[in-house]
């Protein structure tokens, strides 16, 4: 959802559906045909809402009818609206109390990178908007965005002709509860990358959930604009992200998991005081963001930021053939392993068709990955480094360098922060 007036509405809508589907699933457990059925709705992505049902393929007709009712015939009673407001409020409180800072940092880095527009708007509903969202607001949103041309019905493990018949039966010509009379006012804004910094000073010493205290850490995320998933450079950026890799200093998964990525070799293995260094790549229909998240003691924030900026600058340097082949193999392995799961295949089909009206098959993607060359990595990294950085900082920020110093470090050949001098110590 992109419009400022409806910031956080997707969170509200997801929580409402979550309550409805929990009740529906509980009732279905008492019915023999539905004993093995699972129903879920997710809005974890910034640009897509996905409804998923898992059931026996013999019940396809009933399943599509169920989906049609949930999507097109919501009741939106006063009691349900009030319970949803309580659920959203609890989610916001939980977000600020949880020890894992990644969801909050991801929100902050998007806010810094796309200040005041599109994917930079709050994904979580602001506290002040909870009471403003009512039935009329939801109906207005649904009328604008829940239209046939913006929907895809995808199925895995079912006959295509049967799925088409069910869609025609339950979705074609059905009048939704909001009485749609055509396309509403759809926000077609294109993401505008701005760069910038978002800081949140917070005491992180009391986030432990048990008797053993968690070390007080400062969390930093630095990002640069990459590209959309519709561009050809999306694959080289995906390989670059895999090449950077990283994780926590005590990552689970067994010996050797990603241990040859750059953030392990150059950062975690060399600097024992670094608790985390992980690369992330967020890609959307009209933009993308490659960022590195790092955590360390508040006294070593400046050193940590300099290590991150050095790693960004090194992306535009020489690429070793061995590390590139390893990153490509690891990316293809991860792709194929994920596609072993039917829910992942379902999401892959739905999202690709929704965005591009077609689907690239796994062997096509593997071919594109194999064709990535060292010069492709160097080219996309050098292009990325010419942009302004986005910075998100959480925790004790007394030692945080200025945004101008971070920008200067990324523009330099060494990646080092400018030195500061003091007359008095």
Protein backbone atom coordinates (compact mmCIF):
# COMPACT_ATOMS: atom_id res chain seq x y z
CA UNK A 1 0.00 0.00 0.00
CA UNK A 2 1.59 3.31 -1.05
CA UNK A 3 -0.77 6.14 -0.14
CA UNK A 4 0.15 8.23 2.91
CA UNK A 5 -3.48 8.43 4.02
CA UNK A 6 -3.67 4.67 4.38
CA UNK A 7 -0.27 3.90 5.92
CA UNK A 8 -0.48 0.65 7.88
CA UNK A 9 -3.81 -0.42 6.39
CA UNK A 10 -2.26 -3.65 5.07
CA UNK A 11 -1.21 -4.62 8.60
CA UNK A 12 -4.78 -4.01 9.78
CA UNK A 13 -6.23 -6.03 6.89
CA UNK A 14 -3.82 -8.94 7.44
CA UNK A 15 -4.69 -9.17 11.15
CA UNK A 16 -8.41 -9.12 10.38
CA UNK A 17 -8.04 -12.00 7.93
CA UNK A 18 -5.75 -13.87 10.30
CA UNK A 19 -8.50 -13.92 12.94
CA UNK A 20 -11.13 -14.98 10.40
CA UNK A 21 -9.03 -17.82 9.02
CA UNK A 22 -8.09 -19.11 12.46
CA UNK A 23 -11.78 -19.43 13.33
CA UNK A 24 -12.50 -21.03 9.96
CA UNK A 25 -9.67 -23.55 10.33
CA UNK A 26 -10.80 -24.50 13.84
CA UNK A 27 -14.32 -25.24 12.58
CA UNK A 28 -13.03 -27.29 9.64
CA UNK A 29 -11.07 -29.63 11.91
CA UNK A 30 -14.36 -31.17 12.95
CA UNK A 31 -15.26 -32.00 9.34
CA UNK A 32 -13.74 -35.18 7.92
CA UNK A 33 -12.76 -33.79 4.46
CA UNK A 34 -10.85 -30.89 6.07
CA UNK A 35 -8.88 -32.70 8.79
CA UNK A 36 -5.54 -32.26 7.01
CA UNK A 37 -6.28 -28.78 5.74
CA UNK A 38 -4.27 -25.67 6.57
CA UNK A 39 -5.43 -22.12 5.84
CA UNK A 40 -3.27 -19.01 6.06
CA UNK A 41 -3.03 -15.42 4.88
CA UNK A 42 0.20 -13.50 4.74
CA UNK A 43 1.04 -9.86 4.05
CA UNK A 44 4.70 -10.09 4.98
CA UNK A 45 5.76 -8.61 1.64
CA UNK A 46 5.56 -4.90 0.99
CA UNK A 47 4.02 -5.21 -2.46
CA UNK A 48 1.82 -8.33 -2.33
CA UNK A 49 -0.92 -9.90 -0.24
CA UNK A 50 -1.10 -13.66 -0.61
CA UNK A 51 -3.84 -16.10 0.46
CA UNK A 52 -2.82 -19.75 0.59
CA UNK A 53 -4.80 -22.93 1.22
CA UNK A 54 -3.38 -26.45 1.54
CA UNK A 55 -5.81 -29.32 1.10
CA UNK A 56 -6.44 -32.60 -0.69
CA UNK A 57 -6.61 -32.03 -4.46
CA UNK A 58 -10.03 -33.73 -4.51
CA UNK A 59 -11.45 -30.75 -2.65
CA UNK A 60 -10.27 -28.14 -5.18
CA UNK A 61 -13.80 -26.96 -5.94
CA UNK A 62 -14.54 -26.31 -2.26
CA UNK A 63 -11.12 -24.73 -1.68
CA UNK A 64 -11.56 -22.15 -4.45
CA UNK A 65 -15.04 -21.41 -3.13
CA UNK A 66 -13.55 -20.85 0.32
CA UNK A 67 -10.90 -18.49 -1.07
CA UNK A 68 -13.54 -16.55 -3.01
CA UNK A 69 -15.61 -16.09 0.16
CA UNK A 70 -12.64 -14.93 2.24
CA UNK A 71 -11.37 -12.49 -0.40
CA UNK A 72 -14.62 -11.13 -1.86
CA UNK A 73 -17.21 -11.55 0.91
CA UNK A 74 -15.68 -10.22 4.18
CA UNK A 75 -18.31 -9.25 6.76
CA UNK A 76 -16.29 -6.60 8.65
CA UNK A 77 -18.51 -6.56 11.76
CA UNK A 78 -17.92 -4.06 14.57
CA UNK A 79 -16.73 -6.83 16.90
CA UNK A 80 -14.20 -8.07 14.34
CA UNK A 81 -12.91 -4.55 13.73
CA UNK A 82 -12.37 -3.97 17.46
CA UNK A 83 -10.57 -7.30 17.92
CA UNK A 84 -8.35 -6.45 14.94
CA UNK A 85 -7.44 -3.08 16.48
CA UNK A 86 -6.35 -4.89 19.63
CA UNK A 87 -4.29 -7.39 17.60
CA UNK A 88 -2.52 -4.61 15.68
CA UNK A 89 -1.76 -2.73 18.89
CA UNK A 90 -0.28 -5.87 20.44
CA UNK A 91 1.84 -6.46 17.31
CA UNK A 92 3.29 -2.96 17.54
CA UNK A 93 4.14 -3.42 21.22
CA UNK A 94 5.74 -6.79 20.48
CA UNK A 95 7.80 -5.26 17.65
CA UNK A 96 9.42 -2.80 20.04
CA UNK A 97 10.11 -5.43 22.71
CA UNK A 98 11.45 -8.38 20.72
CA UNK A 99 15.21 -9.08 20.97
CA UNK A 100 15.58 -9.63 17.21
CA UNK A 101 16.08 -6.15 15.68
CA UNK A 102 15.94 -7.28 12.02
CA UNK A 103 12.24 -6.49 11.32
CA UNK A 104 12.56 -3.01 12.82
CA UNK A 105 15.88 -2.32 11.06
CA UNK A 106 14.42 -3.44 7.73
CA UNK A 107 11.56 -0.99 8.26
CA UNK A 108 14.04 1.78 9.13
CA UNK A 109 16.36 1.19 6.15
CA UNK A 110 13.41 1.40 3.75
CA UNK A 111 12.28 4.60 5.43
CA UNK A 112 15.77 6.06 5.01
CA UNK A 113 16.18 4.90 1.40
CA UNK A 114 12.74 5.99 0.13
CA UNK A 115 11.86 8.82 2.45
CA UNK A 116 8.15 9.62 2.34
CA UNK A 117 7.24 7.54 -0.73
CA UNK A 118 6.16 4.05 -1.87
CA UNK A 119 8.15 1.26 -0.14
CA UNK A 120 9.55 3.83 2.30
CA UNK A 121 6.16 4.22 3.98
CA UNK A 122 5.46 2.26 7.15
CA UNK A 123 4.61 -1.38 6.59
CA UNK A 124 3.41 -1.62 10.18
CA UNK A 125 0.35 0.36 11.13
CA UNK A 126 1.30 3.49 13.13
CA UNK A 127 -0.41 3.69 16.51
CA UNK A 128 -2.22 6.91 15.57
CA UNK A 129 -3.81 5.24 12.50
CA UNK A 130 -5.40 2.31 14.35
CA UNK A 131 -8.55 4.19 15.30
CA UNK A 132 -8.79 5.92 11.89
CA UNK A 133 -9.20 2.68 9.93
CA UNK A 134 -12.87 1.71 9.81
CA UNK A 135 -15.18 -0.24 7.51
CA UNK A 136 -15.48 2.62 5.00
CA UNK A 137 -11.70 2.95 4.70
CA UNK A 138 -11.28 -0.80 4.17
CA UNK A 139 -14.04 -0.88 1.54
CA UNK A 140 -12.38 2.03 -0.29
CA UNK A 141 -9.05 0.17 -0.27
CA UNK A 142 -10.65 -3.07 -1.49
CA UNK A 143 -12.56 -1.32 -4.27
CA UNK A 144 -9.33 0.21 -5.57
CA UNK A 145 -6.93 -2.71 -5.24
CA UNK A 146 -8.98 -5.94 -5.20
CA UNK A 147 -9.82 -5.90 -8.90
CA UNK A 148 -9.53 -8.78 -11.43
CA UNK A 149 -6.55 -7.32 -13.31
CA UNK A 150 -4.57 -7.17 -10.05
CA UNK A 151 -5.27 -10.78 -9.00
CA UNK A 152 -3.73 -14.14 -9.86
CA UNK A 153 -5.17 -17.54 -8.95
CA UNK A 154 -2.32 -20.06 -8.79
CA UNK A 155 -2.39 -23.76 -8.00
CA UNK A 156 0.22 -26.48 -7.53
CA UNK A 157 -0.60 -30.18 -7.85
CA UNK A 158 -3.95 -29.55 -9.61
CA UNK A 159 -5.19 -29.87 -13.18
CA UNK A 160 -5.13 -26.53 -14.98
CA UNK A 161 -8.50 -27.03 -16.68
CA UNK A 162 -10.16 -27.90 -13.37
CA UNK A 163 -8.67 -24.80 -11.74
CA UNK A 164 -9.99 -22.63 -14.59
CA UNK A 165 -13.47 -24.13 -14.18
CA UNK A 166 -13.45 -23.39 -10.45
CA UNK A 167 -12.27 -19.83 -11.08
CA UNK A 168 -15.10 -19.24 -13.55
CA UNK A 169 -17.60 -20.71 -11.09
CA UNK A 170 -16.60 -18.81 -7.95
CA UNK A 171 -14.74 -15.70 -9.12
CA UNK A 172 -16.11 -14.68 -12.50
CA UNK A 173 -18.91 -12.14 -12.24
CA UNK A 174 -19.15 -12.35 -8.44
CA UNK A 175 -20.26 -9.11 -6.79
CA UNK A 176 -18.02 -8.36 -3.79
CA UNK A 177 -19.40 -6.98 -0.53
CA UNK A 178 -17.95 -3.52 -1.28
CA UNK A 179 -20.08 -3.28 -4.48
CA UNK A 180 -17.28 -2.49 -6.90
CA UNK A 181 -18.33 -0.43 -9.90
CA UNK A 182 -14.96 -0.50 -11.63
CA UNK A 183 -11.35 0.42 -10.93
CA UNK A 184 -10.93 2.87 -8.11
CA UNK A 185 -8.22 5.39 -7.38
CA UNK A 186 -5.03 3.31 -7.60
CA UNK A 187 -1.75 4.88 -6.53
CA UNK A 188 0.69 4.23 -9.38
CA UNK A 189 3.64 6.10 -7.86
CA UNK A 190 7.10 4.92 -8.87
CA UNK A 191 9.61 4.43 -6.07
CA UNK A 192 11.96 7.40 -5.70
CA UNK A 193 15.25 6.53 -4.05
CA UNK A 194 16.36 9.39 -1.79
CA UNK A 195 19.00 7.97 0.53
CA UNK A 196 19.38 9.32 4.04
CA UNK A 197 19.62 8.21 7.63
CA UNK A 198 17.09 7.05 10.23
CA UNK A 199 18.27 6.76 13.84
CA UNK A 200 16.52 5.30 16.87
CA UNK A 201 18.33 5.78 20.18
CA UNK A 202 17.31 2.94 22.48
CA UNK A 203 18.54 1.09 25.55
CA UNK A 204 19.22 -2.45 24.26
CA UNK A 205 20.51 -3.81 27.60
CA UNK A 206 17.17 -5.23 28.76
CA UNK A 207 15.87 -7.10 25.70
CA UNK A 208 16.68 -10.58 27.03
CA UNK A 209 13.64 -12.83 27.46
CA UNK A 210 15.31 -15.11 29.99
CA UNK A 211 17.64 -15.00 33.02
CA UNK A 212 20.76 -14.93 30.83
CA UNK A 213 21.30 -11.35 29.62
CA UNK A 214 21.88 -10.64 25.94
CA UNK A 215 24.93 -8.42 25.29
CA UNK A 216 23.98 -4.80 24.70
CA UNK A 217 24.57 -4.19 21.01
CA UNK A 218 24.28 -1.35 18.53
CA UNK A 219 22.79 -2.37 15.20
CA UNK A 220 23.70 -0.63 11.94
CA UNK A 221 22.34 -1.24 8.45
CA UNK A 222 23.87 0.46 5.41
CA UNK A 223 22.23 0.12 2.01
CA UNK A 224 22.57 1.28 -1.59
CA UNK A 225 20.07 1.23 -4.45
CA UNK A 226 20.32 -1.86 -6.68
CA UNK A 227 17.65 -2.66 -9.31
CA UNK A 228 14.15 -4.07 -9.72
CA UNK A 229 13.48 -7.78 -10.28
CA UNK A 230 12.34 -6.93 -13.83
CA UNK A 231 15.80 -5.75 -14.91
CA UNK A 232 18.57 -7.93 -16.36
CA UNK A 233 20.94 -6.88 -13.57
CA UNK A 234 18.72 -8.54 -10.98
CA UNK A 235 20.59 -11.86 -11.38
CA UNK A 236 24.10 -10.32 -10.99
CA UNK A 237 22.87 -8.51 -7.86
CA UNK A 238 21.49 -11.80 -6.49
CA UNK A 239 24.88 -13.44 -7.07
CA UNK A 240 26.65 -10.48 -5.44
CA UNK A 241 24.39 -10.75 -2.40
CA UNK A 242 25.19 -14.47 -2.13
CA UNK A 243 28.90 -13.74 -2.52
CA UNK A 244 28.74 -11.31 0.42
CA UNK A 245 26.70 -13.79 2.50
CA UNK A 246 27.40 -13.49 6.20
CA UNK A 247 25.40 -14.27 9.31
CA UNK A 248 25.78 -14.25 13.08
CA UNK A 249 28.92 -15.13 14.98
CA UNK A 250 27.09 -18.25 16.24
CA UNK A 251 25.04 -19.12 13.15
CA UNK A 252 23.27 -22.46 13.26
CA UNK A 253 23.28 -24.96 10.41
CA UNK A 254 26.45 -26.94 10.88
CA UNK A 255 30.11 -26.43 9.93
CA UNK A 256 30.82 -24.70 6.66
CA UNK A 257 27.42 -23.02 6.15
CA UNK A 258 28.36 -19.94 4.15
CA UNK A 259 31.74 -19.75 5.86
CA UNK A 260 33.51 -18.82 2.62
CA UNK A 261 31.40 -15.74 1.93
CA UNK A 262 33.15 -12.37 2.15
CA UNK A 263 31.42 -11.21 5.31
CA UNK A 264 32.61 -14.33 7.11
CA UNK A 265 36.16 -14.31 5.75
CA UNK A 266 36.79 -10.55 5.92
CA UNK A 267 34.63 -9.54 8.88
CA UNK A 268 33.48 -12.19 11.36
CA UNK A 269 36.67 -14.27 11.18
CA UNK A 270 38.94 -11.23 11.62
CA UNK A 271 37.00 -9.14 14.12
CA UNK A 272 35.96 -11.22 17.12
CA UNK A 273 33.93 -8.34 18.59
CA UNK A 274 31.50 -8.33 15.65
CA UNK A 275 28.34 -10.23 16.58
CA UNK A 276 26.68 -10.14 13.18
CA UNK A 277 27.37 -9.17 9.57
CA UNK A 278 24.74 -10.17 7.01
CA UNK A 279 23.95 -9.06 3.47
CA UNK A 280 20.31 -8.61 2.33
CA UNK A 281 18.83 -7.84 -1.08
CA UNK A 282 15.30 -6.41 -1.25
CA UNK A 283 13.94 -6.19 -4.80
CA UNK A 284 10.63 -4.77 -6.04
CA UNK A 285 8.93 -4.04 -9.34
CA UNK A 286 10.50 -0.60 -9.72
CA UNK A 287 13.52 -0.52 -7.39
CA UNK A 288 15.86 -2.56 -5.20
CA UNK A 289 18.05 -2.21 -2.12
CA UNK A 290 21.25 -4.09 -1.24
CA UNK A 291 22.24 -3.65 2.38
CA UNK A 292 24.53 -5.01 5.10
CA UNK A 293 23.39 -5.40 8.71
CA UNK A 294 26.09 -5.43 11.40
CA UNK A 295 26.00 -5.59 15.21
CA UNK A 296 28.68 -4.81 17.79
CA UNK A 297 29.31 -3.30 21.20
CA UNK A 298 28.37 0.44 21.34
CA UNK A 299 32.03 1.34 22.01
CA UNK A 300 33.06 -0.01 18.60
CA UNK A 301 30.36 1.49 16.40
CA UNK A 302 32.75 3.67 14.40
CA UNK A 303 35.05 0.72 13.61
CA UNK A 304 32.03 -1.39 12.66
CA UNK A 305 30.69 1.23 10.23
CA UNK A 306 34.14 1.57 8.62
CA UNK A 307 34.34 -2.20 8.13
CA UNK A 308 30.95 -2.13 6.37
CA UNK A 309 31.93 0.76 4.09
CA UNK A 310 35.19 -1.02 3.18
CA UNK A 311 33.26 -4.13 2.20
CA UNK A 312 30.94 -2.08 0.00
CA UNK A 313 33.92 -0.46 -1.76
CA UNK A 314 35.56 -3.87 -2.26
CA UNK A 315 32.44 -5.02 -4.14
CA UNK A 316 33.54 -2.80 -7.03
CA UNK A 317 37.05 -4.31 -7.10
CA UNK A 318 38.44 -7.57 -8.40
CA UNK A 319 36.22 -10.64 -8.22
CA UNK A 320 37.95 -13.97 -7.66
CA UNK A 321 36.79 -16.67 -10.09
CA UNK A 322 36.59 -19.30 -7.34
CA UNK A 323 34.42 -17.20 -5.01
CA UNK A 324 32.16 -16.25 -7.92
CA UNK A 325 31.63 -19.90 -8.91
CA UNK A 326 30.97 -20.78 -5.28
CA UNK A 327 28.38 -18.01 -4.96
CA UNK A 328 26.64 -19.05 -8.21
CA UNK A 329 26.56 -22.71 -7.15
CA UNK A 330 25.22 -21.79 -3.72
CA UNK A 331 22.51 -19.58 -5.26
CA UNK A 332 21.41 -22.31 -7.67
CA UNK A 333 21.44 -24.85 -4.84
CA UNK A 334 19.28 -22.61 -2.66
CA UNK A 335 16.88 -21.97 -5.54
CA UNK A 336 16.40 -25.65 -6.31
CA UNK A 337 16.13 -26.62 -2.64
CA UNK A 338 13.44 -24.00 -2.01
CA UNK A 339 11.48 -25.18 -5.04
CA UNK A 340 11.24 -28.64 -3.47
CA UNK A 341 8.47 -27.17 -1.32
CA UNK A 342 5.05 -26.80 -2.93
CA UNK A 343 4.10 -23.65 -0.98
CA UNK A 344 7.26 -21.98 -2.32
CA UNK A 345 6.42 -23.07 -5.88
CA UNK A 346 2.92 -21.68 -5.43
CA UNK A 347 4.26 -18.30 -4.27
CA UNK A 348 6.86 -18.25 -7.05
CA UNK A 349 4.23 -18.90 -9.75
CA UNK A 350 1.79 -16.34 -8.36
CA UNK A 351 4.33 -13.53 -7.89
CA UNK A 352 6.02 -14.01 -11.27
CA UNK A 353 2.74 -14.09 -13.20
CA UNK A 354 1.42 -11.10 -11.25
CA UNK A 355 4.52 -9.04 -12.05
CA UNK A 356 5.49 -10.21 -15.54
CA UNK A 357 2.45 -12.19 -16.85
CA UNK A 358 4.77 -15.18 -17.33
CA UNK A 359 7.01 -17.49 -15.33
CA UNK A 360 10.68 -18.28 -15.75
CA UNK A 361 11.28 -21.97 -15.08
CA UNK A 362 14.07 -23.06 -12.69
CA UNK A 363 16.39 -24.24 -15.50
CA UNK A 364 16.05 -20.81 -17.17
CA UNK A 365 17.03 -19.07 -13.94
CA UNK A 366 19.97 -21.44 -13.46
CA UNK A 367 21.18 -20.62 -16.99
CA UNK A 368 21.04 -16.88 -16.21
CA UNK A 369 22.97 -17.47 -12.97
CA UNK A 370 25.68 -19.51 -14.75
CA UNK A 371 26.13 -16.74 -17.32
CA UNK A 372 27.10 -14.12 -14.69
CA UNK A 373 30.73 -13.08 -15.20
CA UNK A 374 33.18 -11.23 -12.91
CA UNK A 375 32.80 -8.07 -15.00
CA UNK A 376 29.02 -8.18 -14.43
CA UNK A 377 29.54 -8.14 -10.66
CA UNK A 378 32.08 -5.32 -10.90
CA UNK A 379 29.80 -3.30 -13.20
CA UNK A 380 26.65 -3.50 -11.04
CA UNK A 381 28.65 -2.86 -7.85
CA UNK A 382 30.40 0.20 -9.34
CA UNK A 383 27.07 1.55 -10.54
CA UNK A 384 25.53 0.99 -7.09
CA UNK A 385 28.41 2.77 -5.32
CA UNK A 386 27.74 5.97 -7.27
CA UNK A 387 24.44 6.46 -5.43
CA UNK A 388 23.70 7.95 -2.02
CA UNK A 389 23.70 5.53 0.91
CA UNK A 390 20.79 4.74 3.20
CA UNK A 391 21.65 4.22 6.87
CA UNK A 392 19.58 2.80 9.73
CA UNK A 393 20.94 2.82 13.28
CA UNK A 394 19.41 1.30 16.42
CA UNK A 395 20.70 1.28 20.01
CA UNK A 396 23.39 3.36 21.74
CA UNK A 397 24.44 5.75 18.96
CA UNK A 398 26.93 7.92 20.82
CA UNK A 399 29.79 6.66 18.63
CA UNK A 400 27.92 6.73 15.30
CA UNK A 401 29.75 8.61 12.50
CA UNK A 402 27.85 11.34 10.68
CA UNK A 403 25.92 10.53 7.51
CA UNK A 404 28.30 12.78 5.54
CA UNK A 405 31.27 10.71 6.76
CA UNK A 406 29.60 7.45 5.70
CA UNK A 407 28.86 8.94 2.28
CA UNK A 408 32.47 10.15 1.93
CA UNK A 409 33.82 6.70 2.89
CA UNK A 410 31.71 4.96 0.23
CA UNK A 411 32.88 7.48 -2.37
CA UNK A 412 36.56 6.93 -1.54
CA UNK A 413 38.86 4.26 -2.93
CA UNK A 414 39.72 2.79 0.47
CA UNK A 415 36.30 2.90 2.14
CA UNK A 416 37.84 4.52 5.24
CA UNK A 417 35.91 7.09 7.25
CA UNK A 418 37.37 10.62 7.33
CA UNK A 419 39.54 11.14 10.37
CA UNK A 420 38.26 13.42 13.13
CA UNK A 421 40.59 15.52 15.26
CA UNK A 422 39.94 16.95 18.72
CA UNK A 423 41.74 19.78 20.46
CA UNK A 424 40.86 18.39 23.87
CA UNK A 425 40.62 14.77 25.00
